[in-house]
Amino acid sequence: MTDRQVTQLIRALEVTEGAGVTVHRTLGTPARRHLDPFLMLDHISSDDPDDYVAGFPEHPHRGFNTFTYMLEGHMRHGDSMGNKGDLGPGGAQWMKAASGVIHSEMPQQVEGSMRGFQLWINLPAQEKMSDPAYQEIRPESVPEIINEHQRIRLLAGSYQGRSGPVVDPHTQAQILDITLPQGAGLTHKLPNEHNALVYVFEGSARIAESNIPQHHLAVLSAGETVQISAGENGARFLLIAGRPLGEPIVQHGPFVMNSREEIEQAMADYRDGKLVRNKASMVQG
């Protein structure tokens, strides 16, 4: 079997989003615009309420999925179609924006730690104008594999015969939250054609001959397995993989389509109050 190597190492870039929220972005920056089918990866991590309390008031999306995962803190989701969800530690949500959603994500705290992630995953052309959908994932519905050498929270995909609550039929996305103590390692099989990345947010890790410091994203080569070991202070990281769609990606802010004309239509629809076409369905995870 061929082991994956690190082809690019990206340090998180601090940016401001929403109404003034500080996020650390790796994918979706000048260093790497996207890794098909993944469009953006943001990491929120702060004990300072000035970094997060303003939240993400109502804003639109079209043409892709968003996956939000909380480690600490409490966010409340609401959208223009009436869906509401509370997102606390260990919980997640999967929102298929598709033809159009206007939503908000607002902190339900004014102090303490706020830590979590948002990942954008592209939709194929035939799905971009389909009906939206919303899935709330409770912490207890996320399978955990725990032993003395590893702790894995399986958010999407499969591992050791178990499956995560999120299923993306288009990309077969895998999203694993992995914690390894000092000196421990993990080997995970992936389809050779799937793109994969690793984001280290605690400690440090090593893949082949490459060290991955904290707050760095490693883009991986093709291969059938990824072998990861923890550094001297252990490691906690996201392992993300998925089947590329192989289609044109044209993005303008919160709209991701296949052509400039479709982007212009999305902007016109939002301006004219026509972005939201169908009520999203909600699935409990």
Protein backbone atom coordinates (compact mmCIF):
# COMPACT_ATOMS: atom_id res chain seq x y z
CA MET A 1 0.00 0.00 0.00
CA THR A 2 1.10 3.55 -0.75
CA ASP A 3 1.39 5.91 2.21
CA ARG A 4 0.28 9.49 1.77
CA GLN A 5 2.85 12.28 2.08
CA VAL A 6 2.49 15.96 2.95
CA THR A 7 2.52 18.02 -0.25
CA GLN A 8 1.72 21.41 1.31
CA LEU A 9 1.80 22.81 4.84
CA ILE A 10 -0.41 25.84 5.49
CA ARG A 11 -0.26 27.99 8.60
CA ALA A 12 -3.66 29.29 9.78
CA LEU A 13 -4.37 32.88 8.77
CA GLU A 14 -6.30 35.10 11.20
CA VAL A 15 -9.29 36.74 9.51
CA THR A 16 -12.46 38.50 10.64
CA GLU A 17 -15.86 37.12 9.64
CA GLY A 18 -19.52 37.72 10.51
CA ALA A 19 -20.04 40.80 12.66
CA GLY A 20 -16.47 40.75 13.93
CA VAL A 21 -15.56 37.16 14.79
CA THR A 22 -11.89 36.19 14.72
CA VAL A 23 -11.35 32.90 12.89
CA HIS A 24 -8.20 31.02 11.88
CA ARG A 25 -8.49 29.99 8.23
CA THR A 26 -6.33 27.52 6.35
CA LEU A 27 -8.30 26.33 3.34
CA GLY A 28 -9.83 29.25 1.44
CA THR A 29 -6.80 31.55 1.67
CA PRO A 30 -4.26 32.76 -0.91
CA ALA A 31 -2.08 29.81 0.15
CA ARG A 32 -4.78 27.34 -0.93
CA ARG A 33 -8.13 28.39 -2.35
CA HIS A 34 -9.65 24.93 -2.21
CA LEU A 35 -8.96 21.21 -2.25
CA ASP A 36 -11.80 19.69 -4.28
CA PRO A 37 -14.42 19.06 -2.87
CA PHE A 38 -13.45 21.16 0.18
CA LEU A 39 -13.75 24.92 -0.14
CA MET A 40 -12.93 26.44 3.25
CA LEU A 41 -11.87 25.45 6.76
CA ASP A 42 -12.24 27.93 9.65
CA HIS A 43 -11.21 27.36 13.26
CA ILE A 44 -12.62 29.45 16.12
CA SER A 45 -10.58 29.25 19.31
CA SER A 46 -10.63 31.99 21.94
CA ASP A 47 -11.27 32.70 25.60
CA ASP A 48 -11.81 36.39 24.79
CA PRO A 49 -15.49 37.20 24.14
CA ASP A 50 -14.43 40.16 21.98
CA ASP A 51 -13.26 37.56 19.47
CA TYR A 52 -16.63 35.83 19.10
CA VAL A 53 -19.55 37.52 20.89
CA ALA A 54 -20.70 39.47 17.79
CA GLY A 55 -21.44 36.17 16.06
CA PHE A 56 -22.61 35.57 12.52
CA PRO A 57 -25.89 37.45 11.90
CA GLU A 58 -28.11 36.55 8.95
CA HIS A 59 -26.17 35.82 5.78
CA PRO A 60 -26.84 33.85 2.57
CA HIS A 61 -25.39 30.68 1.07
CA ARG A 62 -25.95 28.90 -2.25
CA GLY A 63 -24.32 25.96 -3.99
CA PHE A 64 -22.58 23.96 -1.24
CA ASN A 65 -22.79 22.27 2.17
CA THR A 66 -21.59 23.66 5.48
CA PHE A 67 -20.44 21.48 8.37
CA THR A 68 -20.11 23.11 11.79
CA TYR A 69 -18.57 21.30 14.76
CA MET A 70 -18.25 22.63 18.31
CA LEU A 71 -15.60 21.69 20.85
CA GLU A 72 -16.45 24.25 23.53
CA GLY A 73 -19.10 26.93 23.87
CA HIS A 74 -22.67 27.31 22.69
CA MET A 75 -23.95 28.56 19.33
CA ARG A 76 -27.55 28.90 18.20
CA HIS A 77 -28.52 28.34 14.58
CA GLY A 78 -31.55 29.95 12.98
CA ASP A 79 -32.59 30.33 9.35
CA SER A 80 -35.13 32.11 7.22
CA MET A 81 -37.16 28.91 6.84
CA GLY A 82 -37.83 28.39 10.53
CA ASN A 83 -35.20 25.80 11.43
CA LYS A 84 -33.57 26.35 14.81
CA GLY A 85 -30.79 24.43 16.48
CA ASP A 86 -28.61 24.61 19.58
CA LEU A 87 -25.00 23.66 19.05
CA GLY A 88 -23.00 22.81 22.18
CA PRO A 89 -19.78 20.97 23.00
CA GLY A 90 -19.39 17.86 20.85
CA GLY A 91 -22.39 18.72 18.69
CA ALA A 92 -22.44 19.47 14.98
CA GLN A 93 -24.68 20.51 12.14
CA TRP A 94 -24.75 19.78 8.42
CA MET A 95 -26.52 22.32 6.26
CA LYS A 96 -27.11 21.72 2.58
CA ALA A 97 -27.54 25.28 1.33
CA ALA A 98 -28.12 24.15 -2.28
CA SER A 99 -30.54 26.57 -4.02
CA GLY A 100 -30.45 29.05 -1.17
CA VAL A 101 -30.48 29.53 2.59
CA ILE A 102 -30.24 32.63 4.76
CA HIS A 103 -29.12 31.72 8.25
CA SER A 104 -27.41 32.97 11.39
CA GLU A 105 -25.11 31.44 13.99
CA MET A 106 -25.03 33.43 17.21
CA PRO A 107 -23.10 32.74 20.44
CA GLN A 108 -25.25 32.01 23.48
CA GLN A 109 -22.55 33.12 25.92
CA VAL A 110 -20.75 36.34 26.81
CA GLU A 111 -17.72 34.79 28.50
CA GLY A 112 -15.69 31.60 28.55
CA SER A 113 -14.09 29.57 25.80
CA MET A 114 -15.46 29.23 22.27
CA ARG A 115 -13.84 26.57 20.10
CA GLY A 116 -15.07 24.95 16.94
CA PHE A 117 -14.83 24.56 13.18
CA GLN A 118 -16.70 25.24 9.99
CA LEU A 119 -15.95 23.31 6.82
CA TRP A 120 -17.46 24.10 3.41
CA ILE A 121 -18.00 21.14 1.04
CA ASN A 122 -18.92 21.63 -2.59
CA LEU A 123 -22.06 20.25 -4.25
CA PRO A 124 -22.11 18.80 -7.78
CA ALA A 125 -23.70 20.92 -10.50
CA GLN A 126 -26.91 18.89 -10.59
CA GLU A 127 -27.43 19.50 -6.85
CA LYS A 128 -26.61 23.19 -6.60
CA MET A 129 -30.20 24.30 -7.22
CA SER A 130 -31.86 21.41 -5.36
CA ASP A 131 -33.87 21.80 -2.16
CA PRO A 132 -31.84 22.69 0.94
CA ALA A 133 -31.69 20.45 4.01
CA TYR A 134 -30.54 20.75 7.61
CA GLN A 135 -29.23 18.08 9.98
CA GLU A 136 -28.52 18.66 13.66
CA ILE A 137 -26.11 16.17 15.23
CA ARG A 138 -26.30 15.68 18.99
CA PRO A 139 -23.04 14.89 20.82
CA GLU A 140 -24.29 11.50 21.94
CA SER A 141 -24.99 10.44 18.34
CA VAL A 142 -21.30 10.74 17.37
CA PRO A 143 -19.58 7.33 17.70
CA GLU A 144 -16.38 7.31 19.74
CA ILE A 145 -13.55 4.79 19.54
CA ILE A 146 -11.51 5.07 22.73
CA ASN A 147 -8.51 3.08 23.92
CA GLU A 148 -5.19 3.82 25.58
CA HIS A 149 -3.64 4.83 22.27
CA GLN A 150 -6.35 6.94 20.63
CA ARG A 151 -9.67 8.71 20.95
CA ILE A 152 -11.62 9.13 17.74
CA ARG A 153 -14.91 10.95 17.30
CA LEU A 154 -16.37 9.74 14.01
CA LEU A 155 -18.38 12.62 12.53
CA ALA A 156 -18.62 11.41 8.92
CA GLY A 157 -17.46 8.32 7.09
CA SER A 158 -16.50 4.99 8.61
CA TYR A 159 -13.81 3.58 10.89
CA GLN A 160 -13.39 0.06 12.30
CA GLY A 161 -16.84 -0.97 11.10
CA ARG A 162 -18.65 2.04 12.58
CA SER A 163 -20.23 4.95 10.71
CA GLY A 164 -20.62 8.62 11.54
CA PRO A 165 -23.98 10.43 11.55
CA VAL A 166 -23.19 12.63 8.53
CA VAL A 167 -23.46 11.03 5.10
CA ASP A 168 -22.55 12.92 1.93
CA PRO A 169 -23.50 10.72 -1.04
CA HIS A 170 -21.65 12.97 -3.50
CA THR A 171 -18.20 13.12 -1.92
CA GLN A 172 -18.28 10.22 0.59
CA ALA A 173 -16.72 12.75 3.00
CA GLN A 174 -14.83 11.47 6.02
CA ILE A 175 -14.41 13.76 9.04
CA LEU A 176 -12.64 12.40 12.11
CA ASP A 177 -11.67 14.24 15.31
CA ILE A 178 -8.62 12.32 16.53
CA THR A 179 -6.67 12.61 19.79
CA LEU A 180 -3.36 10.76 20.21
CA PRO A 181 -1.17 10.75 23.32
CA GLN A 182 2.58 11.28 23.09
CA GLY A 183 4.24 8.67 20.88
CA ALA A 184 0.99 7.07 19.75
CA GLY A 185 0.14 6.59 16.10
CA LEU A 186 -2.74 5.78 13.78
CA THR A 187 -3.04 4.22 10.34
CA HIS A 188 -6.20 4.89 8.35
CA LYS A 189 -7.11 3.57 4.91
CA LEU A 190 -8.53 6.00 2.36
CA PRO A 191 -9.61 5.56 -1.25
CA ASN A 192 -6.60 6.48 -3.38
CA GLU A 193 -8.59 8.96 -5.47
CA HIS A 194 -9.93 10.91 -2.48
CA ASN A 195 -8.33 14.20 -1.53
CA ALA A 196 -7.29 14.43 2.12
CA LEU A 197 -6.03 16.95 4.65
CA VAL A 198 -5.09 17.05 8.32
CA TYR A 199 -5.53 20.10 10.57
CA VAL A 200 -3.63 19.99 13.88
CA PHE A 201 -5.23 22.17 16.56
CA GLU A 202 -3.56 20.79 19.68
CA GLY A 203 0.03 19.61 20.07
CA SER A 204 1.86 18.47 16.95
CA ALA A 205 1.87 15.51 14.60
CA ARG A 206 4.05 13.79 12.04
CA ILE A 207 3.18 12.27 8.68
CA ALA A 208 6.02 10.45 6.91
CA GLU A 209 8.98 12.87 7.09
CA SER A 210 6.88 15.98 7.75
CA ASN A 211 6.20 17.62 11.10
CA ILE A 212 2.85 19.38 11.42
CA PRO A 213 2.86 22.08 14.12
CA GLN A 214 -0.21 23.32 15.95
CA HIS A 215 -2.58 25.47 13.86
CA HIS A 216 -1.25 24.11 10.57
CA LEU A 217 -3.05 22.30 7.76
CA ALA A 218 -1.32 19.48 5.89
CA VAL A 219 -2.51 18.74 2.35
CA LEU A 220 -1.79 15.10 1.53
CA SER A 221 -0.73 13.32 -1.63
CA ALA A 222 -2.67 10.45 -3.17
CA GLY A 223 -2.28 7.09 -1.49
CA GLU A 224 -4.14 4.23 0.12
CA THR A 225 -3.18 4.90 3.74
CA VAL A 226 -2.32 7.81 5.97
CA GLN A 227 0.00 7.16 8.92
CA ILE A 228 0.03 9.81 11.64
CA SER A 229 1.96 9.91 14.89
CA ALA A 230 1.74 12.36 17.79
CA GLY A 231 4.51 14.70 18.92
CA GLU A 232 6.00 15.01 22.40
CA ASN A 233 2.91 16.78 23.77
CA GLY A 234 0.41 14.54 22.01
CA ALA A 235 -1.84 15.68 19.17
CA ARG A 236 -5.45 16.45 18.40
CA PHE A 237 -6.42 16.98 14.79
CA LEU A 238 -9.13 16.75 12.18
CA LEU A 239 -8.64 14.18 9.42
CA ILE A 240 -10.79 15.14 6.44
CA ALA A 241 -11.10 13.32 3.12
CA GLY A 242 -13.51 13.16 0.22
CA ARG A 243 -14.02 12.31 -3.43
CA PRO A 244 -13.28 15.29 -5.70
CA LEU A 245 -16.15 16.40 -7.95
CA GLY A 246 -13.89 17.48 -10.81
CA GLU A 247 -16.11 20.41 -11.81
CA PRO A 248 -15.38 24.13 -12.28
CA ILE A 249 -15.46 26.08 -9.01
CA VAL A 250 -16.53 29.72 -9.27
CA GLN A 251 -16.91 31.41 -5.90
CA HIS A 252 -18.01 34.86 -4.84
CA GLY A 253 -18.24 35.16 -1.07
CA PRO A 254 -21.06 32.90 0.16
CA PHE A 255 -22.02 31.67 -3.32
CA VAL A 256 -20.22 28.74 -5.00
CA MET A 257 -21.37 27.78 -8.49
CA ASN A 258 -19.93 26.44 -11.76
CA SER A 259 -19.94 29.62 -13.86
CA ARG A 260 -19.77 33.39 -13.55
CA GLU A 261 -23.29 33.65 -14.96
CA GLU A 262 -24.63 31.46 -12.13
CA ILE A 263 -22.84 33.64 -9.58
CA GLU A 264 -24.39 36.75 -11.07
CA GLN A 265 -27.81 35.08 -10.89
CA ALA A 266 -27.26 34.21 -7.22
CA MET A 267 -26.32 37.81 -6.45
CA ALA A 268 -29.38 39.10 -8.31
CA ASP A 269 -31.64 36.60 -6.53
CA TYR A 270 -30.30 37.69 -3.14
CA ARG A 271 -30.69 41.37 -4.02
CA ASP A 272 -34.26 40.78 -5.20
CA GLY A 273 -35.29 38.63 -2.24
CA LYS A 274 -35.53 35.47 -4.36
CA LEU A 275 -32.57 33.50 -3.04
CA VAL A 276 -34.65 31.25 -0.77
CA ARG A 277 -36.82 29.11 -3.02
CA ASN A 278 -37.71 26.07 -0.97
CA LYS A 279 -38.06 25.38 2.74
CA ALA A 280 -35.26 23.26 4.12
CA SER A 281 -36.02 19.91 5.66
CA MET A 282 -34.55 19.11 9.06
CA VAL A 283 -33.12 15.74 10.07
CA GLN A 284 -32.23 14.92 13.66
CA GLY A 285 -28.85 13.31 14.06
